[in-house]
Amino acid sequence: MPKIHVELIENFLVVWDSAKGSELYKAGYYGKPLGIPKPKIPEFDVPLILDLMEGLYLVENKKIDIYEDPNQAKVSLKKLKQKAKQLYDEFEEKYAVYHDLRDSALIVTPGIKFGCDFAVYKYGPGVEHAPYMVSVKKAGSNISATELVKAGRLATTVRKRFIIAVPDLSSGKVKYLIFKWFKA
């Protein structure tokens, strides 16, 4: 697949060519078609909106090139990372987890509506409900019993497995703590 031309507008990336956007969406459920919350088919006739984390991953994997203006030079990885660091708290840790999950052939979307960092799919949105909700924690950080119970109750209510991901930035490895809730 040839690299897709993407425009950086504020904190979003836009694929204006809907055919290319559909192609990218089909290649791994990247982005969201503008105005279509859950596409039923992977072809659409609207721009595709990517977030900065997806864009960084796609640039690193040589799938897209990003420009601030169609007539300007490409946006560097350094600049893209700087923008992402301003947008996301603990960006390095979250990106390490995003990268690890994507490299494991899983589909990763923002998990804000579930109160976590990522919703993770085996097959993709619209094909299944996300079976996992992932929260990213720094090694050595604390999590209270109340936070754990809240996350577990929410995960159970929305029929998901709750996972805490703990990245080790020095080694590039991520540890996953998967919680299974049951009735006593």
Protein backbone atom coordinates (compact mmCIF):
# COMPACT_ATOMS: atom_id res chain seq x y z
CA MET A 1 0.00 0.00 0.00
CA PRO A 2 1.58 3.37 -0.97
CA LYS A 3 1.90 5.98 1.77
CA ILE A 4 -1.25 7.96 2.37
CA HIS A 5 -1.16 11.77 2.48
CA VAL A 6 -2.52 13.10 5.79
CA GLU A 7 -2.99 16.69 6.95
CA LEU A 8 -2.31 17.84 10.52
CA ILE A 9 -4.99 20.25 11.74
CA GLU A 10 -4.58 21.30 15.39
CA ASN A 11 -4.54 17.98 17.31
CA PHE A 12 -6.10 15.81 14.61
CA LEU A 13 -4.97 14.17 11.43
CA VAL A 14 -7.26 14.21 8.40
CA VAL A 15 -7.25 11.91 5.40
CA TRP A 16 -9.22 14.02 2.91
CA ASP A 17 -9.25 11.38 0.16
CA SER A 18 -12.16 9.17 1.26
CA ALA A 19 -10.97 6.21 -0.84
CA LYS A 20 -7.56 6.33 0.89
CA GLY A 21 -9.28 6.82 4.26
CA SER A 22 -11.45 3.76 3.63
CA GLU A 23 -8.34 1.80 2.68
CA LEU A 24 -6.61 2.80 5.92
CA TYR A 25 -9.71 2.02 7.98
CA LYS A 26 -9.96 -1.42 6.37
CA ALA A 27 -6.26 -2.07 7.07
CA GLY A 28 -6.79 -2.04 10.84
CA TYR A 29 -9.75 0.11 11.86
CA TYR A 30 -7.58 3.20 12.09
CA GLY A 31 -9.41 6.47 12.71
CA LYS A 32 -13.07 7.42 12.58
CA PRO A 33 -14.95 8.44 9.44
CA LEU A 34 -16.24 11.98 9.95
CA GLY A 35 -19.85 11.90 11.15
CA ILE A 36 -20.09 8.08 11.16
CA PRO A 37 -19.68 6.80 14.73
CA LYS A 38 -19.77 3.07 13.89
CA PRO A 39 -19.44 2.38 10.17
CA LYS A 40 -21.34 -0.74 9.08
CA ILE A 41 -19.18 -1.11 5.99
CA PRO A 42 -15.50 -0.16 5.63
CA GLU A 43 -16.09 2.04 2.57
CA PHE A 44 -17.30 5.58 3.14
CA ASP A 45 -17.40 8.87 1.28
CA VAL A 46 -16.20 11.23 4.02
CA PRO A 47 -12.77 12.25 5.41
CA LEU A 48 -11.12 9.95 7.96
CA ILE A 49 -10.02 11.50 11.28
CA LEU A 50 -7.02 9.98 13.06
CA ASP A 51 -5.76 10.85 16.52
CA LEU A 52 -2.11 11.68 17.10
CA MET A 53 -1.29 8.33 18.68
CA GLU A 54 -2.62 6.44 15.66
CA GLY A 55 -0.81 8.82 13.36
CA LEU A 56 2.50 8.35 15.12
CA TYR A 57 2.15 4.57 14.90
CA LEU A 58 1.23 4.75 11.20
CA VAL A 59 4.16 7.08 10.41
CA GLU A 60 6.56 4.76 12.22
CA ASN A 61 5.15 1.86 10.20
CA LYS A 62 5.53 3.85 6.96
CA LYS A 63 1.81 3.83 6.12
CA ILE A 64 1.25 7.60 6.06
CA ASP A 65 3.05 10.91 5.56
CA ILE A 66 1.81 13.92 7.52
CA TYR A 67 1.79 17.53 6.30
CA GLU A 68 0.62 20.71 8.03
CA ASP A 69 -0.31 22.23 4.71
CA PRO A 70 -0.49 20.47 1.34
CA ASN A 71 2.36 22.68 0.05
CA GLN A 72 4.68 22.29 3.05
CA ALA A 73 7.27 19.74 4.08
CA LYS A 74 6.38 16.66 6.04
CA VAL A 75 5.77 16.90 9.78
CA SER A 76 8.68 15.24 11.58
CA LEU A 77 8.27 12.42 14.07
CA LYS A 78 9.82 14.71 16.69
CA LYS A 79 7.18 17.41 16.15
CA LEU A 80 4.37 14.84 16.15
CA LYS A 81 5.63 13.38 19.45
CA GLN A 82 5.88 16.89 20.97
CA LYS A 83 2.25 17.61 20.04
CA ALA A 84 1.14 14.24 21.42
CA LYS A 85 3.01 14.84 24.71
CA GLN A 86 1.09 18.11 25.10
CA LEU A 87 -2.22 16.37 24.43
CA TYR A 88 -1.86 13.14 26.44
CA ASP A 89 -0.88 12.82 30.11
CA GLU A 90 1.86 10.19 30.44
CA PHE A 91 2.11 9.96 26.66
CA GLU A 92 5.27 7.81 26.59
CA GLU A 93 3.67 5.10 28.73
CA LYS A 94 0.36 5.16 26.86
CA TYR A 95 2.07 5.06 23.49
CA ALA A 96 4.25 2.11 24.57
CA VAL A 97 1.08 0.17 25.43
CA TYR A 98 -0.73 1.30 22.25
CA HIS A 99 2.27 0.21 20.17
CA ASP A 100 2.53 -3.16 21.94
CA LEU A 101 -1.18 -3.91 21.49
CA ARG A 102 -1.18 -2.87 17.81
CA ASP A 103 1.95 -4.94 17.17
CA SER A 104 0.05 -7.88 18.69
CA ALA A 105 -2.57 -7.50 15.91
CA LEU A 106 -5.20 -6.05 18.23
CA ILE A 107 -7.42 -3.08 17.38
CA VAL A 108 -6.99 -0.16 19.81
CA THR A 109 -9.38 2.77 20.17
CA PRO A 110 -9.69 5.52 22.80
CA GLY A 111 -11.37 4.18 25.95
CA ILE A 112 -12.64 7.46 27.39
CA LYS A 113 -16.30 6.36 27.32
CA PHE A 114 -15.34 3.40 29.53
CA GLY A 115 -13.25 5.50 31.91
CA CYS A 116 -9.99 3.91 30.77
CA ASP A 117 -7.21 4.65 28.31
CA PHE A 118 -8.06 2.13 25.57
CA ALA A 119 -10.85 -0.12 24.36
CA VAL A 120 -9.26 -3.14 22.72
CA TYR A 121 -10.76 -5.43 20.10
CA LYS A 122 -9.70 -8.73 18.58
CA TYR A 123 -11.69 -8.20 15.36
CA GLY A 124 -12.76 -4.55 15.28
CA PRO A 125 -15.47 -2.04 16.16
CA GLY A 126 -18.77 -2.79 14.49
CA VAL A 127 -17.74 -6.45 14.21
CA GLU A 128 -17.75 -7.07 17.97
CA HIS A 129 -17.99 -5.18 21.23
CA ALA A 130 -14.56 -4.44 22.68
CA PRO A 131 -13.77 -7.37 25.00
CA TYR A 132 -11.10 -5.44 26.92
CA MET A 133 -10.72 -2.08 28.63
CA VAL A 134 -7.13 -1.11 29.37
CA SER A 135 -5.79 1.43 31.85
CA VAL A 136 -2.11 2.37 31.69
CA LYS A 137 -0.17 2.80 34.93
CA LYS A 138 3.47 3.71 35.50
CA ALA A 139 5.57 1.09 37.28
CA GLY A 140 5.54 1.85 40.99
CA SER A 141 2.38 3.93 40.86
CA ASN A 142 -0.43 3.26 43.29
CA ILE A 143 -3.97 2.20 42.61
CA SER A 144 -6.46 2.28 45.44
CA ALA A 145 -8.83 -0.55 46.26
CA THR A 146 -11.69 1.85 45.47
CA GLU A 147 -10.30 2.57 41.97
CA LEU A 148 -9.87 -1.14 41.35
CA VAL A 149 -13.40 -1.98 42.46
CA LYS A 150 -14.87 0.90 40.40
CA ALA A 151 -13.02 -0.25 37.28
CA GLY A 152 -14.02 -3.85 37.90
CA ARG A 153 -17.68 -3.01 38.40
CA LEU A 154 -17.72 -0.87 35.28
CA ALA A 155 -15.98 -3.57 33.25
CA THR A 156 -18.47 -6.17 34.45
CA THR A 157 -21.42 -3.89 33.69
CA VAL A 158 -20.26 -3.32 30.09
CA ARG A 159 -19.14 -6.96 29.68
CA LYS A 160 -15.43 -6.33 29.35
CA ARG A 161 -12.26 -7.64 30.96
CA PHE A 162 -10.40 -4.96 32.91
CA ILE A 163 -6.65 -4.84 32.26
CA ILE A 164 -3.94 -2.70 33.82
CA ALA A 165 -0.95 -2.26 31.49
CA VAL A 166 2.41 -1.39 33.03
CA PRO A 167 5.05 -0.44 30.45
CA ASP A 168 8.79 -0.56 31.13
CA LEU A 169 10.11 2.22 28.90
CA SER A 170 13.74 1.15 29.30
CA SER A 171 13.16 -2.41 28.03
CA GLY A 172 10.17 -1.72 25.77
CA LYS A 173 8.21 -4.53 27.42
CA VAL A 174 4.69 -4.22 28.79
CA LYS A 175 3.21 -6.26 31.64
CA TYR A 176 -0.53 -6.82 31.69
CA LEU A 177 -2.60 -7.49 34.80
CA ILE A 178 -5.93 -9.00 33.75
CA PHE A 179 -8.74 -9.06 36.27
CA LYS A 180 -11.54 -11.58 36.21
CA TRP A 181 -14.56 -10.78 38.35
CA PHE A 182 -16.93 -13.41 39.62
CA LYS A 183 -19.92 -13.58 41.94
CA ALA A 184 -19.30 -15.16 45.30
